[in-house]
Amino acid sequence: MEAIKKLEYGEIKIADEVIITIAGLAATEVEGVCGMSGGLVDGIVEILGKKSLSKGVKLEVLEEAVAIDLYLIVDYGVKIPDIAWKIQDNVKAAIESMLGMKVVDVNIHIQGVNFPKEASRDNPAPKSQKSQS
C-alpha cells in the first residue's frame, strides 16, 4: 500500500519504501543510535548499514497519515527514554517536512545494546620507546 495525496490537478503516490527510508535515515541520525534491527519477526538481531534501513522499520499507511514502528540498537550508556524522544521528534519532523504527511505514531522498539569494543588484552598497543644515549 502506498501513500496517496489528492491534489487539485491529480494525485501524488509515494511508495512505502520512500517513507521507510526517510524514517530509517532520520532515526539513525540521532546520536546514540547504533543501527537498525530486523525486529522480533526475523529472530536474529542484526546491525545494518544505511543501505538496509527498511529492515528495521514497519509502516502503516492510513488515509493521509502514517504510523511507524522502529526497531533499533542503541549504544551502551545512552539514556533510552531521552534518545527515544529525540528519535520520535526527528522522524516525525523529517516525514512531515519532506512529504507533507501527518505522522500519528512513532513507536520505538529497542532490540539491543551495542557495547564498545575493548582493546585486546593479549595484544596491548606498543608503547613508544625513547632511545637512551
N, C-alpha and C. Protein backbone atom coordinates (compact mmCIF):
# COMPACT_ATOMS: atom_id res chain seq x y z
N MET A 1 0.85 -1.17 0.00
CA MET A 1 0.00 0.00 0.00
C MET A 1 0.90 1.23 0.00
N GLU A 2 0.57 2.19 -0.83
CA GLU A 2 1.36 3.40 -0.89
C GLU A 2 0.53 4.60 -0.45
N ALA A 3 1.23 5.64 -0.04
CA ALA A 3 0.55 6.85 0.39
C ALA A 3 0.10 7.64 -0.83
N ILE A 4 -1.10 8.13 -0.79
CA ILE A 4 -1.65 8.89 -1.91
C ILE A 4 -2.13 10.24 -1.38
N LYS A 5 -1.66 11.30 -2.02
CA LYS A 5 -2.13 12.65 -1.70
C LYS A 5 -2.92 13.16 -2.89
N LYS A 6 -4.17 13.52 -2.66
CA LYS A 6 -5.01 14.04 -3.74
C LYS A 6 -4.85 15.55 -3.79
N LEU A 7 -4.52 16.03 -4.98
CA LEU A 7 -4.35 17.45 -5.21
C LEU A 7 -5.38 17.93 -6.22
N GLU A 8 -5.40 19.20 -6.47
CA GLU A 8 -6.38 19.79 -7.38
C GLU A 8 -6.26 19.20 -8.79
N TYR A 9 -5.03 18.96 -9.26
CA TYR A 9 -4.81 18.51 -10.63
C TYR A 9 -4.48 17.04 -10.76
N GLY A 10 -4.53 16.30 -9.68
CA GLY A 10 -4.21 14.88 -9.76
C GLY A 10 -3.76 14.34 -8.42
N GLU A 11 -3.03 13.23 -8.48
CA GLU A 11 -2.58 12.55 -7.26
C GLU A 11 -1.06 12.45 -7.23
N ILE A 12 -0.55 12.39 -6.02
CA ILE A 12 0.86 12.08 -5.81
C ILE A 12 0.90 10.77 -5.05
N LYS A 13 1.57 9.78 -5.62
CA LYS A 13 1.71 8.48 -4.97
C LYS A 13 3.14 8.36 -4.45
N ILE A 14 3.24 8.07 -3.17
CA ILE A 14 4.55 7.93 -2.52
C ILE A 14 4.71 6.47 -2.11
N ALA A 15 5.71 5.83 -2.66
CA ALA A 15 5.96 4.42 -2.35
C ALA A 15 6.32 4.25 -0.88
N ASP A 16 5.88 3.14 -0.30
CA ASP A 16 6.20 2.85 1.10
C ASP A 16 7.70 2.88 1.36
N GLU A 17 8.48 2.38 0.40
CA GLU A 17 9.94 2.34 0.55
C GLU A 17 10.53 3.73 0.77
N VAL A 18 9.93 4.75 0.16
CA VAL A 18 10.40 6.13 0.34
C VAL A 18 10.17 6.57 1.78
N ILE A 19 8.99 6.32 2.30
CA ILE A 19 8.67 6.70 3.67
C ILE A 19 9.55 5.94 4.65
N ILE A 20 9.73 4.65 4.39
CA ILE A 20 10.56 3.81 5.25
C ILE A 20 12.00 4.28 5.27
N THR A 21 12.53 4.63 4.11
CA THR A 21 13.92 5.10 4.03
C THR A 21 14.10 6.42 4.78
N ILE A 22 13.16 7.33 4.61
CA ILE A 22 13.24 8.61 5.33
C ILE A 22 13.19 8.38 6.83
N ALA A 23 12.29 7.52 7.29
CA ALA A 23 12.17 7.24 8.72
C ALA A 23 13.44 6.58 9.26
N GLY A 24 13.98 5.60 8.55
CA GLY A 24 15.19 4.92 8.99
C GLY A 24 16.39 5.84 9.05
N LEU A 25 16.53 6.68 8.03
CA LEU A 25 17.64 7.62 8.00
C LEU A 25 17.53 8.65 9.11
N ALA A 26 16.32 9.17 9.33
CA ALA A 26 16.11 10.15 10.40
C ALA A 26 16.39 9.54 11.77
N ALA A 27 16.06 8.27 11.95
CA ALA A 27 16.33 7.60 13.23
C ALA A 27 17.82 7.41 13.46
N THR A 28 18.54 6.99 12.42
CA THR A 28 19.98 6.72 12.60
C THR A 28 20.82 7.99 12.69
N GLU A 29 20.23 9.14 12.36
CA GLU A 29 20.94 10.41 12.51
C GLU A 29 21.09 10.82 13.97
N VAL A 30 20.26 10.28 14.84
CA VAL A 30 20.28 10.65 16.25
C VAL A 30 21.50 10.01 16.91
N GLU A 31 22.26 10.83 17.62
CA GLU A 31 23.45 10.34 18.30
C GLU A 31 23.07 9.32 19.37
N GLY A 32 23.75 8.19 19.35
CA GLY A 32 23.47 7.12 20.30
C GLY A 32 22.75 5.95 19.67
N VAL A 33 22.25 6.13 18.42
CA VAL A 33 21.63 5.03 17.69
C VAL A 33 22.74 4.32 16.93
N CYS A 34 22.92 3.04 17.24
CA CYS A 34 23.98 2.26 16.61
C CYS A 34 23.54 1.76 15.24
N GLY A 35 22.30 1.33 15.13
CA GLY A 35 21.82 0.80 13.85
C GLY A 35 20.40 0.32 13.96
N MET A 36 19.95 -0.26 12.88
CA MET A 36 18.59 -0.77 12.79
C MET A 36 18.61 -2.27 13.05
N SER A 37 17.49 -2.80 13.51
CA SER A 37 17.37 -4.21 13.80
C SER A 37 16.26 -4.80 12.96
N GLY A 38 16.37 -6.08 12.66
CA GLY A 38 15.33 -6.74 11.89
C GLY A 38 14.03 -6.93 12.65
N GLY A 39 14.02 -6.71 13.94
CA GLY A 39 12.82 -6.87 14.74
C GLY A 39 12.65 -8.30 15.22
N LEU A 40 11.64 -8.54 16.00
CA LEU A 40 11.39 -9.85 16.57
C LEU A 40 11.01 -10.88 15.52
N VAL A 41 10.40 -10.44 14.44
CA VAL A 41 9.95 -11.36 13.41
C VAL A 41 11.13 -12.12 12.81
N ASP A 42 12.23 -11.46 12.60
CA ASP A 42 13.40 -12.10 11.99
C ASP A 42 14.11 -13.04 12.95
N GLY A 43 13.95 -12.85 14.25
CA GLY A 43 14.53 -13.75 15.22
C GLY A 43 15.99 -13.48 15.54
N ILE A 44 16.68 -12.79 14.67
CA ILE A 44 18.10 -12.51 14.91
C ILE A 44 18.30 -11.00 14.79
N VAL A 45 18.92 -10.43 15.80
CA VAL A 45 19.19 -9.00 15.75
C VAL A 45 20.46 -8.80 14.94
N GLU A 46 20.34 -7.93 13.92
CA GLU A 46 21.46 -7.71 13.01
C GLU A 46 21.68 -6.22 12.88
N ILE A 47 22.92 -5.78 13.05
CA ILE A 47 23.23 -4.37 12.85
C ILE A 47 23.37 -4.13 11.36
N LEU A 48 22.67 -3.12 10.87
CA LEU A 48 22.62 -2.87 9.44
C LEU A 48 23.19 -1.51 9.09
N GLY A 49 23.69 -1.39 7.90
CA GLY A 49 24.16 -0.12 7.40
C GLY A 49 23.01 0.68 6.82
N LYS A 50 23.29 1.88 6.33
CA LYS A 50 22.25 2.74 5.81
C LYS A 50 21.56 2.15 4.59
N LYS A 51 22.19 1.22 3.88
CA LYS A 51 21.57 0.63 2.69
C LYS A 51 20.42 -0.29 3.04
N SER A 52 20.35 -0.76 4.28
CA SER A 52 19.31 -1.71 4.67
C SER A 52 18.38 -1.13 5.74
N LEU A 53 18.08 0.13 5.65
CA LEU A 53 17.25 0.78 6.66
C LEU A 53 15.85 0.19 6.74
N SER A 54 15.36 -0.37 5.67
CA SER A 54 13.98 -0.84 5.66
C SER A 54 13.75 -2.04 6.57
N LYS A 55 14.78 -2.80 6.91
CA LYS A 55 14.59 -3.97 7.76
C LYS A 55 14.24 -3.62 9.19
N GLY A 56 14.51 -2.42 9.62
CA GLY A 56 14.20 -2.03 10.99
C GLY A 56 13.00 -1.10 11.09
N VAL A 57 12.22 -0.99 10.02
CA VAL A 57 11.09 -0.07 10.00
C VAL A 57 9.84 -0.81 9.53
N LYS A 58 8.77 -0.66 10.30
CA LYS A 58 7.47 -1.18 9.89
C LYS A 58 6.55 0.03 9.71
N LEU A 59 5.76 0.01 8.66
CA LEU A 59 4.97 1.17 8.29
C LEU A 59 3.51 0.79 8.14
N GLU A 60 2.63 1.65 8.64
CA GLU A 60 1.19 1.51 8.41
C GLU A 60 0.71 2.82 7.81
N VAL A 61 0.20 2.74 6.60
CA VAL A 61 -0.29 3.93 5.91
C VAL A 61 -1.79 4.03 6.14
N LEU A 62 -2.21 5.15 6.70
CA LEU A 62 -3.63 5.42 6.92
C LEU A 62 -4.08 6.34 5.78
N GLU A 63 -5.22 6.99 5.89
CA GLU A 63 -5.70 7.81 4.77
C GLU A 63 -4.69 8.87 4.35
N GLU A 64 -4.41 9.82 5.18
CA GLU A 64 -3.39 10.82 4.85
C GLU A 64 -2.40 10.95 6.00
N ALA A 65 -2.15 9.84 6.65
CA ALA A 65 -1.23 9.82 7.78
C ALA A 65 -0.49 8.48 7.80
N VAL A 66 0.57 8.43 8.59
CA VAL A 66 1.34 7.20 8.72
C VAL A 66 1.63 6.91 10.19
N ALA A 67 1.77 5.63 10.50
CA ALA A 67 2.21 5.17 11.81
C ALA A 67 3.46 4.32 11.56
N ILE A 68 4.48 4.53 12.36
CA ILE A 68 5.77 3.90 12.12
C ILE A 68 6.24 3.18 13.37
N ASP A 69 6.79 1.99 13.19
CA ASP A 69 7.46 1.25 14.26
C ASP A 69 8.93 1.12 13.86
N LEU A 70 9.83 1.53 14.76
CA LEU A 70 11.26 1.46 14.51
C LEU A 70 11.90 0.45 15.47
N TYR A 71 12.70 -0.45 14.93
CA TYR A 71 13.41 -1.46 15.72
C TYR A 71 14.89 -1.10 15.68
N LEU A 72 15.43 -0.71 16.84
CA LEU A 72 16.76 -0.10 16.88
C LEU A 72 17.71 -0.79 17.85
N ILE A 73 18.98 -0.55 17.60
CA ILE A 73 20.05 -0.94 18.51
C ILE A 73 20.72 0.36 18.94
N VAL A 74 20.87 0.55 20.25
CA VAL A 74 21.46 1.79 20.77
C VAL A 74 22.82 1.51 21.38
N ASP A 75 23.61 2.56 21.49
CA ASP A 75 24.93 2.45 22.11
C ASP A 75 24.79 2.31 23.63
N TYR A 76 25.70 1.57 24.21
CA TYR A 76 25.72 1.39 25.66
C TYR A 76 25.93 2.74 26.34
N GLY A 77 25.17 3.00 27.38
CA GLY A 77 25.35 4.21 28.18
C GLY A 77 24.39 5.34 27.85
N VAL A 78 23.62 5.22 26.78
CA VAL A 78 22.67 6.29 26.46
C VAL A 78 21.44 6.15 27.35
N LYS A 79 20.79 7.27 27.58
CA LYS A 79 19.54 7.24 28.34
C LYS A 79 18.43 6.93 27.34
N ILE A 80 17.87 5.74 27.45
CA ILE A 80 16.94 5.25 26.45
C ILE A 80 15.69 6.14 26.32
N PRO A 81 15.06 6.60 27.41
CA PRO A 81 13.90 7.48 27.20
C PRO A 81 14.26 8.77 26.45
N ASP A 82 15.42 9.35 26.78
CA ASP A 82 15.84 10.59 26.11
C ASP A 82 16.08 10.37 24.62
N ILE A 83 16.78 9.29 24.28
CA ILE A 83 17.09 9.03 22.88
C ILE A 83 15.81 8.67 22.12
N ALA A 84 14.88 7.98 22.76
CA ALA A 84 13.62 7.62 22.12
C ALA A 84 12.82 8.88 21.75
N TRP A 85 12.78 9.86 22.63
CA TRP A 85 12.07 11.11 22.34
C TRP A 85 12.73 11.85 21.18
N LYS A 86 14.07 11.86 21.16
CA LYS A 86 14.78 12.53 20.07
C LYS A 86 14.50 11.84 18.74
N ILE A 87 14.49 10.52 18.75
CA ILE A 87 14.20 9.76 17.53
C ILE A 87 12.78 10.07 17.05
N GLN A 88 11.82 10.03 17.96
CA GLN A 88 10.43 10.32 17.59
C GLN A 88 10.30 11.71 16.97
N ASP A 89 10.92 12.71 17.60
CA ASP A 89 10.86 14.07 17.07
C ASP A 89 11.51 14.17 15.70
N ASN A 90 12.69 13.54 15.54
CA ASN A 90 13.44 13.62 14.29
C ASN A 90 12.68 12.94 13.14
N VAL A 91 12.14 11.77 13.40
CA VAL A 91 11.40 11.03 12.37
C VAL A 91 10.13 11.78 11.98
N LYS A 92 9.39 12.24 12.97
CA LYS A 92 8.14 12.98 12.71
C LYS A 92 8.43 14.23 11.89
N ALA A 93 9.45 14.99 12.28
CA ALA A 93 9.79 16.23 11.56
C ALA A 93 10.24 15.94 10.13
N ALA A 94 11.03 14.89 9.93
CA ALA A 94 11.52 14.57 8.60
C ALA A 94 10.38 14.18 7.66
N ILE A 95 9.50 13.33 8.11
CA ILE A 95 8.40 12.87 7.26
C ILE A 95 7.41 14.00 6.98
N GLU A 96 7.07 14.76 8.02
CA GLU A 96 6.11 15.84 7.82
C GLU A 96 6.66 16.94 6.92
N SER A 97 7.96 17.26 7.06
CA SER A 97 8.51 18.34 6.23
C SER A 97 8.79 17.88 4.81
N MET A 98 9.24 16.65 4.61
CA MET A 98 9.59 16.19 3.27
C MET A 98 8.38 15.71 2.46
N LEU A 99 7.41 15.11 3.13
CA LEU A 99 6.29 14.51 2.42
C LEU A 99 4.95 15.21 2.65
N GLY A 100 4.89 16.07 3.66
CA GLY A 100 3.65 16.76 3.96
C GLY A 100 2.58 15.84 4.51
N MET A 101 3.00 14.70 5.07
CA MET A 101 2.05 13.73 5.63
C MET A 101 2.05 13.86 7.14
N LYS A 102 0.91 13.61 7.74
CA LYS A 102 0.80 13.63 9.19
C LYS A 102 1.33 12.31 9.74
N VAL A 103 2.11 12.39 10.81
CA VAL A 103 2.62 11.20 11.49
C VAL A 103 1.84 11.06 12.79
N VAL A 104 1.09 9.96 12.91
CA VAL A 104 0.27 9.77 14.10
C VAL A 104 0.99 9.00 15.20
N ASP A 105 1.91 8.11 14.83
CA ASP A 105 2.67 7.33 15.81
C ASP A 105 4.08 7.10 15.32
N VAL A 106 5.04 7.21 16.24
CA VAL A 106 6.40 6.73 16.01
C VAL A 106 6.73 5.88 17.23
N ASN A 107 6.59 4.58 17.08
CA ASN A 107 6.82 3.64 18.18
C ASN A 107 8.26 3.13 18.12
N ILE A 108 8.94 3.22 19.24
CA ILE A 108 10.35 2.83 19.33
C ILE A 108 10.45 1.48 20.03
N HIS A 109 11.16 0.56 19.41
CA HIS A 109 11.41 -0.76 19.99
C HIS A 109 12.93 -0.94 20.07
N ILE A 110 13.47 -0.91 21.29
CA ILE A 110 14.91 -1.11 21.47
C ILE A 110 15.16 -2.62 21.48
N GLN A 111 15.89 -3.10 20.49
CA GLN A 111 16.13 -4.52 20.31
C GLN A 111 17.49 -4.98 20.84
N GLY A 112 18.38 -4.03 21.11
CA GLY A 112 19.69 -4.42 21.59
C GLY A 112 20.51 -3.22 21.99
N VAL A 113 21.64 -3.53 22.64
CA VAL A 113 22.59 -2.51 23.09
C VAL A 113 23.95 -2.87 22.51
N ASN A 114 24.60 -1.91 21.91
CA ASN A 114 25.93 -2.11 21.34
C ASN A 114 26.97 -1.73 22.39
N PHE A 115 27.79 -2.69 22.78
CA PHE A 115 28.84 -2.44 23.76
C PHE A 115 30.12 -2.06 23.02
N PRO A 116 30.87 -1.08 23.54
CA PRO A 116 32.11 -0.69 22.86
C PRO A 116 33.12 -1.82 22.92
N LYS A 117 33.90 -1.94 21.85
CA LYS A 117 34.93 -2.97 21.81
C LYS A 117 36.11 -2.51 22.66
N GLU A 118 36.58 -3.41 23.51
CA GLU A 118 37.72 -3.08 24.36
C GLU A 118 39.00 -3.46 23.64
N ALA A 119 40.08 -2.77 23.98
CA ALA A 119 41.37 -3.11 23.40
C ALA A 119 41.73 -4.53 23.82
N SER A 120 42.31 -5.24 22.92
CA SER A 120 42.67 -6.63 23.18
C SER A 120 43.67 -6.70 24.32
N ARG A 121 43.40 -7.55 25.30
CA ARG A 121 44.30 -7.69 26.45
C ARG A 121 45.53 -8.50 26.09
N ASP A 122 45.38 -9.37 25.06
CA ASP A 122 46.51 -10.19 24.65
C ASP A 122 47.53 -9.40 23.85
N ASN A 123 47.09 -8.41 23.09
CA ASN A 123 47.97 -7.61 22.26
C ASN A 123 47.80 -6.12 22.58
N PRO A 124 48.32 -5.69 23.72
CA PRO A 124 48.18 -4.27 24.03
C PRO A 124 48.97 -3.44 23.03
N ALA A 125 48.57 -2.20 22.86
CA ALA A 125 49.26 -1.31 21.93
C ALA A 125 50.70 -1.12 22.38
N PRO A 126 51.64 -1.16 21.43
CA PRO A 126 53.05 -1.00 21.81
C PRO A 126 53.31 0.40 22.35
N LYS A 127 54.12 0.43 23.40
CA LYS A 127 54.49 1.72 23.99
C LYS A 127 55.66 2.28 23.22
N SER A 128 55.65 3.59 23.03
CA SER A 128 56.77 4.21 22.31
C SER A 128 57.99 4.19 23.21
N GLN A 129 59.12 3.88 22.60
CA GLN A 129 60.37 3.79 23.35
C GLN A 129 61.28 4.92 22.93
N LYS A 130 61.89 5.55 23.91
CA LYS A 130 62.87 6.59 23.63
C LYS A 130 64.25 5.97 23.64
N SER A 131 65.05 6.37 22.69
CA SER A 131 66.43 5.85 22.70
C SER A 131 67.20 6.60 23.75
N GLN A 132 67.91 5.84 24.55
CA GLN A 132 68.68 6.46 25.62
C GLN A 132 70.13 6.59 25.17
N SER A 133 70.67 7.79 25.30
CA SER A 133 72.05 8.00 24.90
C SER A 133 72.90 8.29 26.06
